[in-house]
Amino acid sequence: MKLVFLCHPVKNLKESLTFYRDKLGFEEAWREGDHTAALKLPDSEIQLMIEDDEQELSAGGIFLVDSVDEIYSDNKDTLEFIKGPVDVPPGRYAIYKDNSGNLLRIIDFTKEK
């Protein structure tokens, strides 16, 4: 697993973009619709992803894996998945909890291959 994004759920994407981009100076990397945007972090390959469609979830990392479906299939009985594999523009995405209740988000880029 490789950390690719820090995910911060926000209440209002437009207001949050103003804060991160205009006040903190982060550069916008990409946007997905009206609900998700990524910002480049200075001197890092990691991007900050802000989105307003999972506000009830805590912030955390999004880790790149080879296959979300494979991890889900191999671990669905031993890991507490709170969101099973779903399609996202670059591939597949899922969320599970660690033994302390922290969220681990995983993504693959299978649609980009």
PDB file of N, CA and C in Angstrom:
ATOM      1  N   MET A   1       0.844  -1.181   0.000  1.00  0.00           N
ATOM      2  CA  MET A   1       0.000   0.000   0.000  1.00  0.00           C
ATOM      3  C   MET A   1       0.887   1.240   0.000  1.00  0.00           C
ATOM      4  N   LYS A   2       0.449   2.210  -0.762  1.00  0.00           N
ATOM      5  CA  LYS A   2       1.171   3.474  -0.852  1.00  0.00           C
ATOM      6  C   LYS A   2       0.190   4.612  -0.608  1.00  0.00           C
ATOM      7  N   LEU A   3       0.528   5.515   0.304  1.00  0.00           N
ATOM      8  CA  LEU A   3      -0.329   6.662   0.576  1.00  0.00           C
ATOM      9  C   LEU A   3      -0.319   7.597  -0.627  1.00  0.00           C
ATOM     10  N   VAL A   4      -1.513   7.897  -1.170  1.00  0.00           N
ATOM     11  CA  VAL A   4      -1.607   8.796  -2.324  1.00  0.00           C
ATOM     12  C   VAL A   4      -2.405  10.061  -2.026  1.00  0.00           C
ATOM     13  N   PHE A   5      -3.344   9.987  -1.100  1.00  0.00           N
ATOM     14  CA  PHE A   5      -4.166  11.144  -0.750  1.00  0.00           C
ATOM     15  C   PHE A   5      -4.356  11.213   0.755  1.00  0.00           C
ATOM     16  N   LEU A   6      -4.511  12.425   1.271  1.00  0.00           N
ATOM     17  CA  LEU A   6      -5.088  12.652   2.576  1.00  0.00           C
ATOM     18  C   LEU A   6      -6.511  13.106   2.305  1.00  0.00           C
ATOM     19  N   CYS A   7      -7.472  12.455   2.893  1.00  0.00           N
ATOM     20  CA  CYS A   7      -8.883  12.758   2.627  1.00  0.00           C
ATOM     21  C   CYS A   7      -9.458  13.553   3.785  1.00  0.00           C
ATOM     22  N   HIS A   8      -9.989  14.729   3.463  1.00  0.00           N
ATOM     23  CA  HIS A   8     -10.645  15.563   4.461  1.00  0.00           C
ATOM     24  C   HIS A   8     -12.080  15.841   4.028  1.00  0.00           C
ATOM     25  N   PRO A   9     -13.048  15.206   4.676  1.00  0.00           N
ATOM     26  CA  PRO A   9     -14.442  15.550   4.405  1.00  0.00           C
ATOM     27  C   PRO A   9     -14.700  17.000   4.817  1.00  0.00           C
ATOM     28  N   VAL A  10     -15.419  17.731   3.990  1.00  0.00           N
ATOM     29  CA  VAL A  10     -15.709  19.147   4.266  1.00  0.00           C
ATOM     30  C   VAL A  10     -17.204  19.398   4.156  1.00  0.00           C
ATOM     31  N   LYS A  11     -17.667  20.472   4.783  1.00  0.00           N
ATOM     32  CA  LYS A  11     -19.088  20.828   4.728  1.00  0.00           C
ATOM     33  C   LYS A  11     -19.458  21.508   3.424  1.00  0.00           C
ATOM     34  N   ASN A  12     -18.528  22.294   2.885  1.00  0.00           N
ATOM     35  CA  ASN A  12     -18.822  23.067   1.675  1.00  0.00           C
ATOM     36  C   ASN A  12     -17.565  23.109   0.823  1.00  0.00           C
ATOM     37  N   LEU A  13     -17.607  22.457  -0.342  1.00  0.00           N
ATOM     38  CA  LEU A  13     -16.419  22.359  -1.186  1.00  0.00           C
ATOM     39  C   LEU A  13     -15.926  23.731  -1.635  1.00  0.00           C
ATOM     40  N   LYS A  14     -16.830  24.592  -2.048  1.00  0.00           N
ATOM     41  CA  LYS A  14     -16.436  25.907  -2.549  1.00  0.00           C
ATOM     42  C   LYS A  14     -15.712  26.717  -1.464  1.00  0.00           C
ATOM     43  N   GLU A  15     -16.278  26.751  -0.263  1.00  0.00           N
ATOM     44  CA  GLU A  15     -15.648  27.480   0.838  1.00  0.00           C
ATOM     45  C   GLU A  15     -14.312  26.857   1.222  1.00  0.00           C
ATOM     46  N   SER A  16     -14.244  25.537   1.208  1.00  0.00           N
ATOM     47  CA  SER A  16     -13.007  24.852   1.573  1.00  0.00           C
ATOM     48  C   SER A  16     -11.922  25.081   0.527  1.00  0.00           C
ATOM     49  N   LEU A  17     -12.298  25.106  -0.751  1.00  0.00           N
ATOM     50  CA  LEU A  17     -11.315  25.426  -1.794  1.00  0.00           C
ATOM     51  C   LEU A  17     -10.753  26.820  -1.594  1.00  0.00           C
ATOM     52  N   THR A  18     -11.615  27.763  -1.255  1.00  0.00           N
ATOM     53  CA  THR A  18     -11.150  29.122  -0.990  1.00  0.00           C
ATOM     54  C   THR A  18     -10.133  29.120   0.149  1.00  0.00           C
ATOM     55  N   PHE A  19     -10.420  28.370   1.202  1.00  0.00           N
ATOM     56  CA  PHE A  19      -9.506  28.306   2.344  1.00  0.00           C
ATOM     57  C   PHE A  19      -8.165  27.686   1.948  1.00  0.00           C
ATOM     58  N   TYR A  20      -8.205  26.469   1.417  1.00  0.00           N
ATOM     59  CA  TYR A  20      -6.961  25.751   1.129  1.00  0.00           C
ATOM     60  C   TYR A  20      -6.170  26.383  -0.022  1.00  0.00           C
ATOM     61  N   ARG A  21      -6.860  26.799  -1.054  1.00  0.00           N
ATOM     62  CA  ARG A  21      -6.186  27.340  -2.233  1.00  0.00           C
ATOM     63  C   ARG A  21      -5.788  28.797  -2.022  1.00  0.00           C
ATOM     64  N   ASP A  22      -6.739  29.621  -1.620  1.00  0.00           N
ATOM     65  CA  ASP A  22      -6.488  31.056  -1.570  1.00  0.00           C
ATOM     66  C   ASP A  22      -5.799  31.511  -0.278  1.00  0.00           C
ATOM     67  N   LYS A  23      -6.127  30.883   0.842  1.00  0.00           N
ATOM     68  CA  LYS A  23      -5.504  31.304   2.108  1.00  0.00           C
ATOM     69  C   LYS A  23      -4.210  30.555   2.394  1.00  0.00           C
ATOM     70  N   LEU A  24      -4.175  29.244   2.088  1.00  0.00           N
ATOM     71  CA  LEU A  24      -2.974  28.462   2.384  1.00  0.00           C
ATOM     72  C   LEU A  24      -2.037  28.331   1.187  1.00  0.00           C
ATOM     73  N   GLY A  25      -2.519  28.686  -0.008  1.00  0.00           N
ATOM     74  CA  GLY A  25      -1.664  28.674  -1.187  1.00  0.00           C
ATOM     75  C   GLY A  25      -1.495  27.330  -1.866  1.00  0.00           C
ATOM     76  N   PHE A  26      -2.342  26.351  -1.541  1.00  0.00           N
ATOM     77  CA  PHE A  26      -2.252  25.063  -2.222  1.00  0.00           C
ATOM     78  C   PHE A  26      -2.772  25.207  -3.652  1.00  0.00           C
ATOM     79  N   GLU A  27      -2.175  24.484  -4.566  1.00  0.00           N
ATOM     80  CA  GLU A  27      -2.569  24.524  -5.971  1.00  0.00           C
ATOM     81  C   GLU A  27      -3.560  23.392  -6.262  1.00  0.00           C
ATOM     82  N   GLU A  28      -4.643  23.724  -6.950  1.00  0.00           N
ATOM     83  CA  GLU A  28      -5.633  22.704  -7.291  1.00  0.00           C
ATOM     84  C   GLU A  28      -5.037  21.747  -8.317  1.00  0.00           C
ATOM     85  N   ALA A  29      -5.155  20.450  -8.055  1.00  0.00           N
ATOM     86  CA  ALA A  29      -4.608  19.421  -8.945  1.00  0.00           C
ATOM     87  C   ALA A  29      -5.667  18.900  -9.916  1.00  0.00           C
ATOM     88  N   TRP A  30      -6.867  18.636  -9.412  1.00  0.00           N
ATOM     89  CA  TRP A  30      -7.973  18.158 -10.242  1.00  0.00           C
ATOM     90  C   TRP A  30      -9.271  18.301  -9.465  1.00  0.00           C
ATOM     91  N   ARG A  31     -10.368  18.138 -10.201  1.00  0.00           N
ATOM     92  CA  ARG A  31     -11.689  18.220  -9.585  1.00  0.00           C
ATOM     93  C   ARG A  31     -12.586  17.157 -10.210  1.00  0.00           C
ATOM     94  N   GLU A  32     -13.425  16.551  -9.378  1.00  0.00           N
ATOM     95  CA  GLU A  32     -14.397  15.564  -9.846  1.00  0.00           C
ATOM     96  C   GLU A  32     -15.779  16.088  -9.502  1.00  0.00           C
ATOM     97  N   GLY A  33     -16.462  16.645 -10.501  1.00  0.00           N
ATOM     98  CA  GLY A  33     -17.795  17.186 -10.283  1.00  0.00           C
ATOM     99  C   GLY A  33     -17.790  18.347  -9.307  1.00  0.00           C
ATOM    100  N   ASP A  34     -18.900  18.490  -8.593  1.00  0.00           N
ATOM    101  CA  ASP A  34     -19.048  19.578  -7.622  1.00  0.00           C
ATOM    102  C   ASP A  34     -18.804  19.127  -6.193  1.00  0.00           C
ATOM    103  N   HIS A  35     -18.285  17.897  -6.010  1.00  0.00           N
ATOM    104  CA  HIS A  35     -18.180  17.348  -4.672  1.00  0.00           C
ATOM    105  C   HIS A  35     -16.768  16.989  -4.228  1.00  0.00           C
ATOM    106  N   THR A  36     -15.827  16.899  -5.164  1.00  0.00           N
ATOM    107  CA  THR A  36     -14.489  16.443  -4.817  1.00  0.00           C
ATOM    108  C   THR A  36     -13.429  17.246  -5.563  1.00  0.00           C
ATOM    109  N   ALA A  37     -12.373  17.603  -4.853  1.00  0.00           N
ATOM    110  CA  ALA A  37     -11.231  18.277  -5.475  1.00  0.00           C
ATOM    111  C   ALA A  37      -9.966  17.815  -4.766  1.00  0.00           C
ATOM    112  N   ALA A  38      -8.856  17.862  -5.489  1.00  0.00           N
ATOM    113  CA  ALA A  38      -7.558  17.527  -4.899  1.00  0.00           C
ATOM    114  C   ALA A  38      -6.642  18.727  -5.022  1.00  0.00           C
ATOM    115  N   LEU A  39      -5.799  18.858  -4.021  1.00  0.00           N
ATOM    116  CA  LEU A  39      -4.855  19.975  -3.969  1.00  0.00           C
ATOM    117  C   LEU A  39      -3.440  19.426  -3.815  1.00  0.00           C
ATOM    118  N   LYS A  40      -2.509  20.031  -4.522  1.00  0.00           N
ATOM    119  CA  LYS A  40      -1.111  19.633  -4.411  1.00  0.00           C
ATOM    120  C   LYS A  40      -0.550  20.181  -3.109  1.00  0.00           C
ATOM    121  N   LEU A  41       0.141  19.331  -2.381  1.00  0.00           N
ATOM    122  CA  LEU A  41       0.805  19.747  -1.161  1.00  0.00           C
ATOM    123  C   LEU A  41       2.252  20.105  -1.501  1.00  0.00           C
ATOM    124  N   PRO A  42       2.765  21.189  -0.966  1.00  0.00           N
ATOM    125  CA  PRO A  42       4.138  21.602  -1.281  1.00  0.00           C
ATOM    126  C   PRO A  42       5.157  20.512  -0.956  1.00  0.00           C
ATOM    127  N   ASP A  43       6.072  20.276  -1.873  1.00  0.00           N
ATOM    128  CA  ASP A  43       7.182  19.332  -1.683  1.00  0.00           C
ATOM    129  C   ASP A  43       6.718  17.912  -1.354  1.00  0.00           C
ATOM    130  N   SER A  44       5.604  17.494  -1.930  1.00  0.00           N
ATOM    131  CA  SER A  44       5.077  16.153  -1.656  1.00  0.00           C
ATOM    132  C   SER A  44       4.344  15.608  -2.865  1.00  0.00           C
ATOM    133  N   GLU A  45       4.416  14.297  -3.033  1.00  0.00           N
ATOM    134  CA  GLU A  45       3.616  13.640  -4.071  1.00  0.00           C
ATOM    135  C   GLU A  45       2.202  13.359  -3.571  1.00  0.00           C
ATOM    136  N   ILE A  46       2.003  13.434  -2.258  1.00  0.00           N
ATOM    137  CA  ILE A  46       0.694  13.202  -1.657  1.00  0.00           C
ATOM    138  C   ILE A  46      -0.190  14.412  -1.960  1.00  0.00           C
ATOM    139  N   GLN A  47      -1.443  14.156  -2.275  1.00  0.00           N
ATOM    140  CA  GLN A  47      -2.391  15.238  -2.512  1.00  0.00           C
ATOM    141  C   GLN A  47      -3.434  15.255  -1.400  1.00  0.00           C
ATOM    142  N   LEU A  48      -3.955  16.438  -1.125  1.00  0.00           N
ATOM    143  CA  LEU A  48      -5.055  16.591  -0.176  1.00  0.00           C
ATOM    144  C   LEU A  48      -6.348  16.546  -0.971  1.00  0.00           C
ATOM    145  N   MET A  49      -7.180  15.560  -0.696  1.00  0.00           N
ATOM    146  CA  MET A  49      -8.470  15.441  -1.373  1.00  0.00           C
ATOM    147  C   MET A  49      -9.546  15.922  -0.411  1.00  0.00           C
ATOM    148  N   ILE A  50     -10.332  16.893  -0.854  1.00  0.00           N
ATOM    149  CA  ILE A  50     -11.447  17.374  -0.042  1.00  0.00           C
ATOM    150  C   ILE A  50     -12.732  17.021  -0.777  1.00  0.00           C
ATOM    151  N   GLU A  51     -13.713  16.585  -0.013  1.00  0.00           N
ATOM    152  CA  GLU A  51     -14.986  16.199  -0.613  1.00  0.00           C
ATOM    153  C   GLU A  51     -16.115  16.433   0.365  1.00  0.00           C
ATOM    154  N   ASP A  52     -17.273  16.768  -0.178  1.00  0.00           N
ATOM    155  CA  ASP A  52     -18.408  17.048   0.692  1.00  0.00           C
ATOM    156  C   ASP A  52     -19.482  15.973   0.651  1.00  0.00           C
ATOM    157  N   ASP A  53     -19.131  14.766   0.164  1.00  0.00           N
ATOM    158  CA  ASP A  53     -20.154  13.717   0.110  1.00  0.00           C
ATOM    159  C   ASP A  53     -19.950  12.609   1.137  1.00  0.00           C
ATOM    160  N   GLU A  54     -18.921  12.687   1.992  1.00  0.00           N
ATOM    161  CA  GLU A  54     -18.741  11.729   3.087  1.00  0.00           C
ATOM    162  C   GLU A  54     -18.480  12.486   4.379  1.00  0.00           C
ATOM    163  N   GLN A  55     -19.303  13.503   4.644  1.00  0.00           N
ATOM    164  CA  GLN A  55     -19.088  14.381   5.794  1.00  0.00           C
ATOM    165  C   GLN A  55     -19.148  13.653   7.130  1.00  0.00           C
ATOM    166  N   GLU A  56     -19.881  12.560   7.189  1.00  0.00           N
ATOM    167  CA  GLU A  56     -20.029  11.845   8.452  1.00  0.00           C
ATOM    168  C   GLU A  56     -18.797  11.011   8.801  1.00  0.00           C
ATOM    169  N   LEU A  57     -17.864  10.884   7.869  1.00  0.00           N
ATOM    170  CA  LEU A  57     -16.661  10.085   8.098  1.00  0.00           C
ATOM    171  C   LEU A  57     -15.496  10.976   8.510  1.00  0.00           C
ATOM    172  N   SER A  58     -14.555  10.400   9.240  1.00  0.00           N
ATOM    173  CA  SER A  58     -13.394  11.165   9.694  1.00  0.00           C
ATOM    174  C   SER A  58     -12.343  11.274   8.589  1.00  0.00           C
ATOM    175  N   ALA A  59     -11.437  12.196   8.791  1.00  0.00           N
ATOM    176  CA  ALA A  59     -10.322  12.364   7.862  1.00  0.00           C
ATOM    177  C   ALA A  59      -9.394  11.152   7.960  1.00  0.00           C
ATOM    178  N   GLY A  60      -8.615  10.947   6.913  1.00  0.00           N
ATOM    179  CA  GLY A  60      -7.661   9.838   6.926  1.00  0.00           C
ATOM    180  C   GLY A  60      -6.970   9.692   5.593  1.00  0.00           C
ATOM    181  N   GLY A  61      -6.114   8.716   5.508  1.00  0.00           N
ATOM    182  CA  GLY A  61      -5.367   8.473   4.287  1.00  0.00           C
ATOM    183  C   GLY A  61      -6.128   7.614   3.298  1.00  0.00           C
ATOM    184  N   ILE A  62      -5.776   7.777   2.039  1.00  0.00           N
ATOM    185  CA  ILE A  62      -6.268   6.898   0.978  1.00  0.00           C
ATOM    186  C   ILE A  62      -5.032   6.216   0.399  1.00  0.00           C
ATOM    187  N   PHE A  63      -5.032   4.896   0.438  1.00  0.00           N
ATOM    188  CA  PHE A  63      -3.878   4.115   0.045  1.00  0.00           C
ATOM    189  C   PHE A  63      -4.107   3.418  -1.290  1.00  0.00           C
ATOM    190  N   LEU A  64      -3.120   3.508  -2.155  1.00  0.00           N
ATOM    191  CA  LEU A  64      -3.174   2.849  -3.456  1.00  0.00           C
ATOM    192  C   LEU A  64      -2.821   1.382  -3.288  1.00  0.00           C
ATOM    193  N   VAL A  65      -3.664   0.519  -3.848  1.00  0.00           N
ATOM    194  CA  VAL A  65      -3.437  -0.932  -3.843  1.00  0.00           C
ATOM    195  C   VAL A  65      -3.580  -1.439  -5.271  1.00  0.00           C
ATOM    196  N   ASP A  66      -3.112  -2.660  -5.518  1.00  0.00           N
ATOM    197  CA  ASP A  66      -3.235  -3.234  -6.856  1.00  0.00           C
ATOM    198  C   ASP A  66      -4.682  -3.537  -7.220  1.00  0.00           C
ATOM    199  N   SER A  67      -5.442  -4.073  -6.250  1.00  0.00           N
ATOM    200  CA  SER A  67      -6.824  -4.457  -6.524  1.00  0.00           C
ATOM    201  C   SER A  67      -7.679  -4.341  -5.266  1.00  0.00           C
ATOM    202  N   VAL A  68      -8.576  -3.372  -5.260  1.00  0.00           N
ATOM    203  CA  VAL A  68      -9.519  -3.224  -4.151  1.00  0.00           C
ATOM    204  C   VAL A  68     -10.385  -4.473  -4.038  1.00  0.00           C
ATOM    205  N   ASP A  69     -10.841  -4.984  -5.163  1.00  0.00           N
ATOM    206  CA  ASP A  69     -11.714  -6.159  -5.139  1.00  0.00           C
ATOM    207  C   ASP A  69     -11.018  -7.375  -4.535  1.00  0.00           C
ATOM    208  N   GLU A  70      -9.748  -7.540  -4.832  1.00  0.00           N
ATOM    209  CA  GLU A  70      -8.996  -8.666  -4.286  1.00  0.00           C
ATOM    210  C   GLU A  70      -8.825  -8.529  -2.775  1.00  0.00           C
ATOM    211  N   ILE A  71      -8.486  -7.333  -2.308  1.00  0.00           N
ATOM    212  CA  ILE A  71      -8.348  -7.116  -0.860  1.00  0.00           C
ATOM    213  C   ILE A  71      -9.680  -7.345  -0.163  1.00  0.00           C
ATOM    214  N   TYR A  72     -10.760  -6.854  -0.767  1.00  0.00           N
ATOM    215  CA  TYR A  72     -12.082  -7.063  -0.183  1.00  0.00           C
ATOM    216  C   TYR A  72     -12.422  -8.557  -0.127  1.00  0.00           C
ATOM    217  N   SER A  73     -12.223  -9.246  -1.229  1.00  0.00           N
ATOM    218  CA  SER A  73     -12.545 -10.666  -1.299  1.00  0.00           C
ATOM    219  C   SER A  73     -11.733 -11.483  -0.294  1.00  0.00           C
ATOM    220  N   ASP A  74     -10.448 -11.164  -0.168  1.00  0.00           N
ATOM    221  CA  ASP A  74      -9.571 -11.915   0.727  1.00  0.00           C
ATOM    222  C   ASP A  74      -9.787 -11.588   2.209  1.00  0.00           C
ATOM    223  N   ASN A  75     -10.405 -10.410   2.506  1.00  0.00           N
ATOM    224  CA  ASN A  75     -10.477  -9.947   3.892  1.00  0.00           C
ATOM    225  C   ASN A  75     -11.865  -9.562   4.384  1.00  0.00           C
ATOM    226  N   LYS A  76     -12.905  -9.798   3.589  1.00  0.00           N
ATOM    227  CA  LYS A  76     -14.241  -9.338   3.987  1.00  0.00           C
ATOM    228  C   LYS A  76     -14.742  -9.980   5.271  1.00  0.00           C
ATOM    229  N   ASP A  77     -14.213 -11.147   5.638  1.00  0.00           N
ATOM    230  CA  ASP A  77     -14.640 -11.806   6.864  1.00  0.00           C
ATOM    231  C   ASP A  77     -13.798 -11.415   8.083  1.00  0.00           C
ATOM    232  N   THR A  78     -12.658 -10.759   7.847  1.00  0.00           N
ATOM    233  CA  THR A  78     -11.766 -10.423   8.957  1.00  0.00           C
ATOM    234  C   THR A  78     -11.597  -8.915   9.167  1.00  0.00           C
ATOM    235  N   LEU A  79     -11.911  -8.112   8.170  1.00  0.00           N
ATOM    236  CA  LEU A  79     -11.844  -6.658   8.296  1.00  0.00           C
ATOM    237  C   LEU A  79     -13.254  -6.094   8.338  1.00  0.00           C
ATOM    238  N   GLU A  80     -13.419  -4.982   9.045  1.00  0.00           N
ATOM    239  CA  GLU A  80     -14.727  -4.338   9.138  1.00  0.00           C
ATOM    240  C   GLU A  80     -14.865  -3.282   8.031  1.00  0.00           C
ATOM    241  N   PHE A  81     -15.390  -3.711   6.904  1.00  0.00           N
ATOM    242  CA  PHE A  81     -15.610  -2.794   5.785  1.00  0.00           C
ATOM    243  C   PHE A  81     -16.866  -1.976   6.052  1.00  0.00           C
ATOM    244  N   ILE A  82     -16.752  -0.660   5.952  1.00  0.00           N
ATOM    245  CA  ILE A  82     -17.932   0.187   6.095  1.00  0.00           C
ATOM    246  C   ILE A  82     -18.427   0.671   4.731  1.00  0.00           C
ATOM    247  N   LYS A  83     -17.614   0.458   3.717  1.00  0.00           N
ATOM    248  CA  LYS A  83     -18.014   0.748   2.343  1.00  0.00           C
ATOM    249  C   LYS A  83     -17.326  -0.278   1.469  1.00  0.00           C
ATOM    250  N   GLY A  84     -18.140  -1.134   0.856  1.00  0.00           N
ATOM    251  CA  GLY A  84     -17.584  -2.154  -0.018  1.00  0.00           C
ATOM    252  C   GLY A  84     -17.083  -1.540  -1.309  1.00  0.00           C
ATOM    253  N   PRO A  85     -16.427  -2.308  -2.131  1.00  0.00           N
ATOM    254  CA  PRO A  85     -15.880  -1.776  -3.376  1.00  0.00           C
ATOM    255  C   PRO A  85     -16.928  -1.089  -4.241  1.00  0.00           C
ATOM    256  N   VAL A  86     -16.598   0.124  -4.681  1.00  0.00           N
ATOM    257  CA  VAL A  86     -17.450   0.900  -5.576  1.00  0.00           C
ATOM    258  C   VAL A  86     -16.584   1.473  -6.687  1.00  0.00           C
ATOM    259  N   ASP A  87     -17.217   1.777  -7.799  1.00  0.00           N
ATOM    260  CA  ASP A  87     -16.521   2.410  -8.913  1.00  0.00           C
ATOM    261  C   ASP A  87     -16.285   3.881  -8.611  1.00  0.00           C
ATOM    262  N   VAL A  88     -15.088   4.345  -8.918  1.00  0.00           N
ATOM    263  CA  VAL A  88     -14.723   5.753  -8.897  1.00  0.00           C
ATOM    264  C   VAL A  88     -13.984   6.009 -10.212  1.00  0.00           C
ATOM    265  N   PRO A  89     -13.873   7.268 -10.632  1.00  0.00           N
ATOM    266  CA  PRO A  89     -13.283   7.529 -11.948  1.00  0.00           C
ATOM    267  C   PRO A  89     -11.965   6.806 -12.252  1.00  0.00           C
ATOM    268  N   PRO A  90     -10.995   6.712 -11.311  1.00  0.00           N
ATOM    269  CA  PRO A  90      -9.776   6.012 -11.725  1.00  0.00           C
ATOM    270  C   PRO A  90      -9.828   4.495 -11.560  1.00  0.00           C
ATOM    271  N   GLY A  91     -10.813   3.961 -10.821  1.00  0.00           N
ATOM    272  CA  GLY A  91     -10.844   2.509 -10.599  1.00  0.00           C
ATOM    273  C   GLY A  91     -11.883   2.100  -9.582  1.00  0.00           C
ATOM    274  N   ARG A  92     -11.417   1.489  -8.468  1.00  0.00           N
ATOM    275  CA  ARG A  92     -12.309   0.997  -7.423  1.00  0.00           C
ATOM    276  C   ARG A  92     -11.865   1.560  -6.071  1.00  0.00           C
ATOM    277  N   TYR A  93     -12.815   1.633  -5.121  1.00  0.00           N
ATOM    278  CA  TYR A  93     -12.587   2.305  -3.842  1.00  0.00           C
ATOM    279  C   TYR A  93     -13.364   1.573  -2.763  1.00  0.00           C
ATOM    280  N   ALA A  94     -12.780   1.485  -1.558  1.00  0.00           N
ATOM    281  CA  ALA A  94     -13.464   0.875  -0.415  1.00  0.00           C
ATOM    282  C   ALA A  94     -12.900   1.490   0.867  1.00  0.00           C
ATOM    283  N   ILE A  95     -13.643   1.301   1.964  1.00  0.00           N
ATOM    284  CA  ILE A  95     -13.214   1.819   3.263  1.00  0.00           C
ATOM    285  C   ILE A  95     -13.420   0.729   4.311  1.00  0.00           C
ATOM    286  N   TYR A  96     -12.403   0.538   5.159  1.00  0.00           N
ATOM    287  CA  TYR A  96     -12.562  -0.353   6.301  1.00  0.00           C
ATOM    288  C   TYR A  96     -11.939   0.290   7.526  1.00  0.00           C
ATOM    289  N   LYS A  97     -12.219  -0.290   8.695  1.00  0.00           N
ATOM    290  CA  LYS A  97     -11.708   0.240   9.965  1.00  0.00           C
ATOM    291  C   LYS A  97     -10.553  -0.620  10.468  1.00  0.00           C
ATOM    292  N   ASP A  98      -9.596   0.043  11.136  1.00  0.00           N
ATOM    293  CA  ASP A  98      -8.561  -0.722  11.818  1.00  0.00           C
ATOM    294  C   ASP A  98      -9.084  -1.145  13.191  1.00  0.00           C
ATOM    295  N   ASN A  99      -8.241  -1.784  13.982  1.00  0.00           N
ATOM    296  CA  ASN A  99      -8.700  -2.305  15.276  1.00  0.00           C
ATOM    297  C   ASN A  99      -8.982  -1.211  16.307  1.00  0.00           C
ATOM    298  N   SER A 100      -8.656   0.052  15.990  1.00  0.00           N
ATOM    299  CA  SER A 100      -8.974   1.170  16.880  1.00  0.00           C
ATOM    300  C   SER A 100     -10.122   2.020  16.350  1.00  0.00           C
ATOM    301  N   GLY A 101     -10.696   1.617  15.226  1.00  0.00           N
ATOM    302  CA  GLY A 101     -11.815   2.350  14.650  1.00  0.00           C
ATOM    303  C   GLY A 101     -11.434   3.428  13.653  1.00  0.00           C
ATOM    304  N   ASN A 102     -10.129   3.561  13.357  1.00  0.00           N
ATOM    305  CA  ASN A 102      -9.685   4.524  12.345  1.00  0.00           C
ATOM    306  C   ASN A 102     -10.028   4.022  10.954  1.00  0.00           C
ATOM    307  N   LEU A 103     -10.328   4.955  10.064  1.00  0.00           N
ATOM    308  CA  LEU A 103     -10.691   4.576   8.706  1.00  0.00           C
ATOM    309  C   LEU A 103      -9.463   4.400   7.835  1.00  0.00           C
ATOM    310  N   LEU A 104      -9.474   3.340   7.058  1.00  0.00           N
ATOM    311  CA  LEU A 104      -8.468   3.097   6.036  1.00  0.00           C
ATOM    312  C   LEU A 104      -9.202   3.041   4.704  1.00  0.00           C
ATOM    313  N   ARG A 105      -8.894   3.977   3.845  1.00  0.00           N
ATOM    314  CA  ARG A 105      -9.495   4.020   2.513  1.00  0.00           C
ATOM    315  C   ARG A 105      -8.499   3.434   1.535  1.00  0.00           C
ATOM    316  N   ILE A 106      -8.995   2.599   0.643  1.00  0.00           N
ATOM    317  CA  ILE A 106      -8.119   2.020  -0.376  1.00  0.00           C
ATOM    318  C   ILE A 106      -8.689   2.309  -1.752  1.00  0.00           C
ATOM    319  N   ILE A 107      -7.808   2.482  -2.701  1.00  0.00           N
ATOM    320  CA  ILE A 107      -8.200   2.800  -4.070  1.00  0.00           C
ATOM    321  C   ILE A 107      -7.257   2.057  -5.015  1.00  0.00           C
ATOM    322  N   ASP A 108      -7.779   1.674  -6.164  1.00  0.00           N
ATOM    323  CA  ASP A 108      -6.898   1.205  -7.229  1.00  0.00           C
ATOM    324  C   ASP A 108      -7.162   2.045  -8.463  1.00  0.00           C
ATOM    325  N   PHE A 109      -6.217   2.018  -9.358  1.00  0.00           N
ATOM    326  CA  PHE A 109      -6.326   2.815 -10.591  1.00  0.00           C
ATOM    327  C   PHE A 109      -6.536   1.894 -11.787  1.00  0.00           C
ATOM    328  N   THR A 110      -7.394   0.878 -11.622  1.00  0.00           N
ATOM    329  CA  THR A 110      -7.578  -0.125 -12.660  1.00  0.00           C
ATOM    330  C   THR A 110      -8.206   0.425 -13.930  1.00  0.00           C
ATOM    331  N   LYS A 111      -8.935   1.506 -13.856  1.00  0.00           N
ATOM    332  CA  LYS A 111      -9.529   2.092 -15.064  1.00  0.00           C
ATOM    333  C   LYS A 111      -8.502   2.862 -15.878  1.00  0.00           C
ATOM    334  N   GLU A 112      -7.350   3.148 -15.283  1.00  0.00           N
ATOM    335  CA  GLU A 112      -6.314   3.897 -15.983  1.00  0.00           C
ATOM    336  C   GLU A 112      -5.348   2.991 -16.716  1.00  0.00           C
ATOM    337  N   LYS A 113      -5.480   1.674 -16.547  1.00  0.00           N
ATOM    338  CA  LYS A 113      -4.548   0.718 -17.182  1.00  0.00           C
ATOM    339  C   LYS A 113      -4.952   0.411 -18.597  1.00  0.00           C
TER     340      LYS A 113
END
